[in-house]
């Protein structure tokens, strides 16, 4: 294994130290680890996300005006702990409430839920929303239900703008649920990533194989299949994304008034002719930008054939998996409200426009 690292147990902290030196507008804490904006509006809902490191720029790269107020990085591919979330929330709370945005992995869910209960006990208004957009699986090694992947980036952008616009906690939580039921993602790996602590690829693929439906931690998806070509793989990925089989699940939501969790039934919305979407073609770590554009070309052709209009796109590295060679495609069905919020100015290390 050859990586630009020093001691394995210092990888995340040294990366955070680098972020602190590169971005003076961020306040980076090392014990416990979290990142917050130095300049924040005095009265608005605060948006916090987090998860294991190794997926950069998600989430620390999205802390800034128009997106996140705080991010909690765990160790590599490991959930952050409740004390990180608790202290980060205390730092950014303005009295208008905290919204935690959680990717659906068992450790993340349990630890964020613990933080919700702790913060409620301190008198803070708090809510949590789950992102479970990976259509490759209904259950995996890490989750109970579909995994949370790159739709999280689009959610952070739209919800961050909503918070800047003064949405209250209930309204922004309802919008977060709306986004969760409208986003779909699917990933493919051509080679595995190497976690520093492991020192070797997380799985083996032959030269003529791909992992179809990969997770961002290297979890298996639908199947291991033969490599064909870019257009065929992209077409197969889009077939999974465009499948309109409803996905219904029970999601736990926090009730601030009762101080307890309540079960809600959520169901995905269909993608139909005439719909408008935002498309994210995402590099999982080691895929050239040129190949991402090749994939986007085919995605656009397929959606055009389905009379689905691409309103906006992102093409690049947004939700990675260390050095994995592969891509993911995310399609988020949008309405005028979501599109207007997406277009609002944003100024973060990894996303910037309109400023």
Protein backbone atom coordinates (compact mmCIF):
# COMPACT_ATOMS: atom_id res chain seq x y z
CA UNK A 1 0.00 0.00 0.00
CA UNK A 2 1.34 3.42 -1.02
CA UNK A 3 -0.59 6.41 0.32
CA UNK A 4 0.35 9.97 1.22
CA UNK A 5 -0.13 9.37 4.93
CA UNK A 6 2.01 9.12 8.05
CA UNK A 7 0.81 7.10 11.05
CA UNK A 8 -2.41 5.25 10.32
CA UNK A 9 -4.03 6.27 13.60
CA UNK A 10 -3.43 9.96 12.82
CA UNK A 11 -4.81 10.03 9.27
CA UNK A 12 -8.12 11.76 9.98
CA UNK A 13 -6.75 14.28 12.47
CA UNK A 14 -3.92 15.28 10.12
CA UNK A 15 -6.41 15.70 7.29
CA UNK A 16 -8.53 17.93 9.53
CA UNK A 17 -5.44 19.96 10.41
CA UNK A 18 -4.90 20.46 6.69
CA UNK A 19 -8.49 21.62 6.22
CA UNK A 20 -8.03 24.12 9.05
CA UNK A 21 -4.93 25.60 7.43
CA UNK A 22 -6.50 25.70 3.97
CA UNK A 23 -9.86 27.20 5.00
CA UNK A 24 -9.63 29.95 7.58
CA UNK A 25 -13.40 30.46 7.35
CA UNK A 26 -13.91 27.11 9.11
CA UNK A 27 -13.51 26.29 12.79
CA UNK A 28 -12.00 22.79 13.00
CA UNK A 29 -12.06 20.93 16.33
CA UNK A 30 -9.95 17.83 16.93
CA UNK A 31 -11.22 16.55 20.28
CA UNK A 32 -13.97 15.70 19.65
CA UNK A 33 -13.72 16.04 15.88
CA UNK A 34 -16.12 18.41 14.15
CA UNK A 35 -16.10 21.30 11.67
CA UNK A 36 -18.32 24.39 11.89
CA UNK A 37 -18.69 27.72 10.12
CA UNK A 38 -16.97 30.60 11.90
CA UNK A 39 -19.55 33.12 10.63
CA UNK A 40 -23.16 32.07 11.10
CA UNK A 41 -26.51 33.79 10.94
CA UNK A 42 -27.83 34.58 14.41
CA UNK A 43 -31.31 33.16 13.88
CA UNK A 44 -31.81 30.17 11.64
CA UNK A 45 -32.17 26.41 11.80
CA UNK A 46 -28.70 24.82 11.95
CA UNK A 47 -28.00 21.93 9.57
CA UNK A 48 -25.50 19.24 10.63
CA UNK A 49 -24.40 16.09 8.84
CA UNK A 50 -21.59 13.62 9.26
CA UNK A 51 -20.30 10.12 8.77
CA UNK A 52 -17.14 8.13 8.40
CA UNK A 53 -14.14 9.78 6.75
CA UNK A 54 -13.01 8.56 3.35
CA UNK A 55 -15.89 10.09 1.38
CA UNK A 56 -14.43 13.55 0.93
CA UNK A 57 -15.45 16.19 0.13
CA UNK A 58 -18.55 14.88 1.92
CA UNK A 59 -19.21 16.21 4.55
CA UNK A 60 -16.64 18.72 5.75
CA UNK A 61 -16.27 20.16 2.27
CA UNK A 62 -19.89 21.28 2.39
CA UNK A 63 -19.66 23.37 5.55
CA UNK A 64 -20.27 27.00 4.71
CA UNK A 65 -22.85 29.57 3.66
CA UNK A 66 -25.76 27.97 1.85
CA UNK A 67 -25.09 24.40 3.00
CA UNK A 68 -24.04 22.88 6.33
CA UNK A 69 -23.40 24.70 9.60
CA UNK A 70 -21.45 21.75 10.93
CA UNK A 71 -20.06 18.34 10.02
CA UNK A 72 -18.90 15.46 12.22
CA UNK A 73 -16.24 13.21 10.64
CA UNK A 74 -15.70 9.75 12.06
CA UNK A 75 -12.61 7.64 11.59
CA UNK A 76 -12.24 5.98 8.18
CA UNK A 77 -15.56 4.37 7.23
CA UNK A 78 -16.64 4.58 10.87
CA UNK A 79 -19.56 6.52 12.31
CA UNK A 80 -18.87 9.65 14.33
CA UNK A 81 -19.78 9.38 18.01
CA UNK A 82 -22.68 11.04 19.85
CA UNK A 83 -20.35 13.41 21.73
CA UNK A 84 -19.11 14.82 18.42
CA UNK A 85 -22.67 15.52 17.28
CA UNK A 86 -23.67 16.85 20.69
CA UNK A 87 -20.83 19.35 20.92
CA UNK A 88 -21.13 20.38 17.27
CA UNK A 89 -24.84 21.07 17.77
CA UNK A 90 -24.19 23.08 20.92
CA UNK A 91 -21.69 25.17 18.97
CA UNK A 92 -24.02 26.09 16.08
CA UNK A 93 -27.41 26.26 17.82
CA UNK A 94 -29.14 29.63 17.49
CA UNK A 95 -32.31 28.68 19.32
CA UNK A 96 -34.21 27.96 16.09
CA UNK A 97 -33.45 24.26 16.13
CA UNK A 98 -31.02 21.67 14.80
CA UNK A 99 -31.62 19.37 11.83
CA UNK A 100 -29.39 16.29 11.62
CA UNK A 101 -29.10 14.79 8.15
CA UNK A 102 -28.22 11.09 8.46
CA UNK A 103 -27.13 8.60 5.81
CA UNK A 104 -28.76 5.25 6.48
CA UNK A 105 -26.01 3.19 8.12
CA UNK A 106 -26.67 1.44 11.40
CA UNK A 107 -23.87 3.12 13.38
CA UNK A 108 -24.71 6.58 12.06
CA UNK A 109 -28.39 6.17 12.84
CA UNK A 110 -27.83 4.90 16.38
CA UNK A 111 -25.28 7.59 17.25
CA UNK A 112 -27.22 10.47 15.76
CA UNK A 113 -30.39 9.29 17.53
CA UNK A 114 -28.49 9.25 20.82
CA UNK A 115 -27.34 12.81 20.14
CA UNK A 116 -30.94 13.86 19.42
CA UNK A 117 -32.06 12.53 22.80
CA UNK A 118 -29.15 14.19 24.63
CA UNK A 119 -29.82 17.55 22.99
CA UNK A 120 -33.52 17.33 23.70
CA UNK A 121 -32.63 16.72 27.33
CA UNK A 122 -30.71 20.01 27.27
CA UNK A 123 -33.77 21.85 25.97
CA UNK A 124 -32.70 22.20 22.32
CA UNK A 125 -35.18 21.81 19.48
CA UNK A 126 -33.90 19.04 17.26
CA UNK A 127 -34.97 16.84 14.36
CA UNK A 128 -33.31 14.13 12.27
CA UNK A 129 -33.95 13.03 8.70
CA UNK A 130 -32.75 9.85 7.03
CA UNK A 131 -31.35 9.66 3.50
CA UNK A 132 -31.72 6.16 2.00
CA UNK A 133 -31.37 6.65 -1.74
CA UNK A 134 -29.31 3.64 -2.89
CA UNK A 135 -31.68 1.58 -5.03
CA UNK A 136 -29.15 -1.27 -5.33
CA UNK A 137 -30.25 -2.90 -2.07
CA UNK A 138 -33.03 -3.02 0.46
CA UNK A 139 -30.65 -4.27 3.15
CA UNK A 140 -26.86 -4.46 3.28
CA UNK A 141 -23.94 -5.25 5.56
CA UNK A 142 -24.16 -1.80 7.15
CA UNK A 143 -27.85 -0.90 7.03
CA UNK A 144 -31.40 -1.82 7.83
CA UNK A 145 -32.90 -0.70 4.56
CA UNK A 146 -31.41 1.13 1.62
CA UNK A 147 -28.05 2.83 2.06
CA UNK A 148 -27.61 6.58 2.11
CA UNK A 149 -25.27 7.85 -0.59
CA UNK A 150 -24.81 10.82 -2.94
CA UNK A 151 -28.35 12.24 -2.85
CA UNK A 152 -27.16 13.46 0.55
CA UNK A 153 -25.06 16.12 -1.24
CA UNK A 154 -28.08 17.48 -3.11
CA UNK A 155 -30.13 17.40 0.08
CA UNK A 156 -27.47 19.38 1.95
CA UNK A 157 -27.47 22.04 -0.78
CA UNK A 158 -31.26 22.44 -0.95
CA UNK A 159 -31.84 22.25 2.81
CA UNK A 160 -28.92 24.59 3.51
CA UNK A 161 -30.53 27.19 1.26
CA UNK A 162 -33.90 26.64 2.94
CA UNK A 163 -32.32 27.33 6.32
CA UNK A 164 -30.76 30.53 4.96
CA UNK A 165 -34.22 31.54 3.72
CA UNK A 166 -35.64 31.24 7.22
CA UNK A 167 -37.56 27.95 7.04
CA UNK A 168 -38.49 26.86 10.56
CA UNK A 169 -37.57 23.42 11.88
CA UNK A 170 -40.90 21.79 11.00
CA UNK A 171 -40.89 23.20 7.45
CA UNK A 172 -37.31 22.26 6.72
CA UNK A 173 -37.87 18.77 8.17
CA UNK A 174 -40.87 18.27 5.88
CA UNK A 175 -38.75 19.35 2.91
CA UNK A 176 -36.01 16.91 3.95
CA UNK A 177 -38.54 14.06 3.91
CA UNK A 178 -39.73 15.22 0.49
CA UNK A 179 -36.17 15.06 -0.86
CA UNK A 180 -35.54 11.65 0.70
CA UNK A 181 -38.51 10.20 -1.16
CA UNK A 182 -37.47 11.74 -4.49
CA UNK A 183 -33.77 10.82 -4.69
CA UNK A 184 -32.31 7.66 -6.22
CA UNK A 185 -28.71 6.55 -6.61
CA UNK A 186 -26.78 3.58 -7.97
CA UNK A 187 -23.05 2.80 -7.94
CA UNK A 188 -20.64 0.57 -9.84
CA UNK A 189 -17.04 -0.32 -8.95
CA UNK A 190 -14.32 -1.30 -11.40
CA UNK A 191 -11.82 -1.78 -8.57
CA UNK A 192 -11.87 -1.77 -4.78
CA UNK A 193 -10.71 0.94 -2.40
CA UNK A 194 -7.90 0.50 0.12
CA UNK A 195 -8.63 1.50 3.71
CA UNK A 196 -5.35 2.62 5.35
CA UNK A 197 -5.83 0.44 8.43
CA UNK A 198 -6.39 -2.64 6.27
CA UNK A 199 -3.48 -1.98 3.95
CA UNK A 200 -4.98 -3.90 1.04
CA UNK A 201 -8.01 -3.63 -1.28
CA UNK A 202 -11.30 -4.32 0.47
CA UNK A 203 -12.26 -6.94 -2.12
CA UNK A 204 -10.85 -8.52 -5.29
CA UNK A 205 -12.18 -8.01 -8.80
CA UNK A 206 -10.83 -9.75 -11.87
CA UNK A 207 -9.87 -7.59 -14.84
CA UNK A 208 -13.11 -8.54 -16.60
CA UNK A 209 -15.42 -8.00 -13.58
CA UNK A 210 -17.35 -5.13 -12.01
CA UNK A 211 -19.30 -4.88 -8.76
CA UNK A 212 -22.79 -3.80 -9.86
CA UNK A 213 -24.56 -1.91 -7.10
CA UNK A 214 -21.52 -1.15 -4.93
CA UNK A 215 -21.80 0.73 -1.63
CA UNK A 216 -19.53 3.62 -0.66
CA UNK A 217 -17.74 1.42 1.90
CA UNK A 218 -17.20 -1.34 -0.63
CA UNK A 219 -20.35 -3.24 0.34
CA UNK A 220 -21.61 -5.60 -2.37
CA UNK A 221 -24.73 -4.73 -4.30
CA UNK A 222 -26.88 -6.65 -6.74
CA UNK A 223 -24.20 -8.85 -8.27
CA UNK A 224 -20.68 -9.23 -9.55
CA UNK A 225 -20.89 -9.27 -13.32
CA UNK A 226 -18.74 -9.21 -16.44
CA UNK A 227 -17.34 -5.90 -17.62
CA UNK A 228 -18.83 -4.79 -20.93
CA UNK A 229 -18.50 -1.12 -21.92
CA UNK A 230 -19.42 2.33 -20.60
CA UNK A 231 -22.73 2.72 -22.42
CA UNK A 232 -23.97 -0.75 -21.45
CA UNK A 233 -23.05 -0.28 -17.78
CA UNK A 234 -24.62 3.19 -17.68
CA UNK A 235 -27.80 1.90 -19.34
CA UNK A 236 -28.05 -0.93 -16.80
CA UNK A 237 -27.54 1.53 -13.92
CA UNK A 238 -30.23 3.84 -15.25
CA UNK A 239 -32.65 0.92 -15.59
CA UNK A 240 -32.33 0.36 -11.84
CA UNK A 241 -32.78 4.08 -11.11
CA UNK A 242 -35.83 4.45 -13.38
CA UNK A 243 -37.60 1.40 -11.93
CA UNK A 244 -40.86 2.75 -10.50
CA UNK A 245 -41.52 -0.12 -8.10
CA UNK A 246 -42.60 1.71 -4.91
CA UNK A 247 -40.22 1.46 -1.96
CA UNK A 248 -42.10 1.74 1.32
CA UNK A 249 -40.42 1.69 4.72
CA UNK A 250 -40.92 2.75 8.32
CA UNK A 251 -38.74 5.67 9.40
CA UNK A 252 -38.27 6.87 12.99
CA UNK A 253 -38.84 10.61 13.46
CA UNK A 254 -38.31 12.61 16.63
CA UNK A 255 -41.31 14.37 18.18
CA UNK A 256 -40.06 17.42 20.08
CA UNK A 257 -43.36 17.89 21.87
CA UNK A 258 -43.60 14.34 23.16
CA UNK A 259 -39.85 13.86 23.53
CA UNK A 260 -39.90 10.46 21.87
CA UNK A 261 -39.47 8.69 18.54
CA UNK A 262 -42.47 8.12 16.32
CA UNK A 263 -42.74 5.70 13.40
CA UNK A 264 -43.71 7.14 10.02
CA UNK A 265 -44.46 5.30 6.77
CA UNK A 266 -42.45 6.72 3.86
CA UNK A 267 -42.80 5.76 0.20
CA UNK A 268 -40.72 6.78 -2.80
CA UNK A 269 -42.24 8.93 -5.52
CA UNK A 270 -42.26 7.64 -9.13
CA UNK A 271 -40.22 9.10 -11.99
CA UNK A 272 -42.47 9.75 -14.98
CA UNK A 273 -42.50 11.47 -18.32
CA UNK A 274 -42.59 15.24 -17.86
CA UNK A 275 -40.69 15.22 -14.55
CA UNK A 276 -37.76 17.56 -13.89
CA UNK A 277 -34.57 16.29 -12.26
CA UNK A 278 -31.11 17.19 -11.02
CA UNK A 279 -28.47 14.64 -12.08
CA UNK A 280 -25.23 13.95 -10.19
CA UNK A 281 -22.59 11.80 -11.90
CA UNK A 282 -20.15 11.15 -9.09
CA UNK A 283 -16.57 9.90 -9.03
CA UNK A 284 -16.13 7.23 -6.35
CA UNK A 285 -12.46 8.13 -6.09
CA UNK A 286 -10.24 7.15 -9.02
CA UNK A 287 -12.31 7.67 -12.16
CA UNK A 288 -11.09 10.27 -14.68
CA UNK A 289 -13.31 13.29 -15.29
CA UNK A 290 -13.39 12.39 -18.98
CA UNK A 291 -15.13 9.10 -18.17
CA UNK A 292 -17.68 10.89 -15.98
CA UNK A 293 -18.64 13.07 -18.92
CA UNK A 294 -18.98 10.00 -21.11
CA UNK A 295 -21.38 8.55 -18.57
CA UNK A 296 -23.32 11.82 -18.30
CA UNK A 297 -23.73 11.83 -22.10
CA UNK A 298 -25.51 8.46 -21.91
CA UNK A 299 -27.55 9.43 -18.83
CA UNK A 300 -28.82 12.54 -20.62
CA UNK A 301 -29.74 10.50 -23.71
CA UNK A 302 -31.67 7.96 -21.63
CA UNK A 303 -33.59 10.60 -19.69
CA UNK A 304 -34.38 12.47 -22.90
CA UNK A 305 -35.84 9.26 -24.33
CA UNK A 306 -38.04 9.01 -21.21
CA UNK A 307 -39.07 12.68 -21.63
CA UNK A 308 -37.52 13.54 -18.25
CA UNK A 309 -35.95 16.99 -18.23
CA UNK A 310 -32.51 17.55 -16.67
CA UNK A 311 -32.67 20.98 -15.05
CA UNK A 312 -29.25 20.99 -13.36
CA UNK A 313 -26.23 18.69 -13.18
CA UNK A 314 -23.13 18.04 -11.11
CA UNK A 315 -20.27 16.00 -12.59
CA UNK A 316 -17.23 15.29 -10.46
CA UNK A 317 -16.04 14.11 -7.05
CA UNK A 318 -18.74 14.75 -4.45
CA UNK A 319 -19.21 11.52 -2.46
CA UNK A 320 -16.14 9.33 -2.85
CA UNK A 321 -14.91 6.03 -1.48
CA UNK A 322 -11.19 6.68 -0.96
CA UNK A 323 -9.40 5.43 -4.10
CA UNK A 324 -12.16 3.25 -5.54
CA UNK A 325 -12.36 3.25 -9.33
CA UNK A 326 -16.04 3.57 -10.09
CA UNK A 327 -18.99 5.91 -10.40
CA UNK A 328 -22.40 6.54 -8.95
CA UNK A 329 -25.38 8.19 -10.60
CA UNK A 330 -27.97 10.12 -8.58
CA UNK A 331 -31.26 11.44 -9.93
CA UNK A 332 -33.35 13.78 -7.79
CA UNK A 333 -36.87 14.67 -8.90
CA UNK A 334 -37.39 18.39 -8.28
CA UNK A 335 -40.19 20.93 -8.19
CA UNK A 336 -39.96 24.72 -8.52
CA UNK A 337 -39.32 25.20 -4.79
CA UNK A 338 -36.45 22.71 -4.70
CA UNK A 339 -34.92 24.09 -7.88
CA UNK A 340 -35.07 27.66 -6.62
CA UNK A 341 -33.33 26.65 -3.39
CA UNK A 342 -30.71 24.65 -5.28
CA UNK A 343 -29.85 27.74 -7.34
CA UNK A 344 -29.28 29.97 -4.31
CA UNK A 345 -25.69 31.10 -3.57
CA UNK A 346 -23.38 28.66 -1.85
CA UNK A 347 -19.84 29.14 -0.58
CA UNK A 348 -18.11 26.05 0.80
CA UNK A 349 -14.71 24.46 0.14
CA UNK A 350 -16.19 21.96 -2.33
CA UNK A 351 -19.21 23.79 -3.77
CA UNK A 352 -19.38 27.43 -4.71
CA UNK A 353 -21.59 29.55 -6.94
CA UNK A 354 -23.53 32.81 -6.90
CA UNK A 355 -21.27 34.43 -4.30
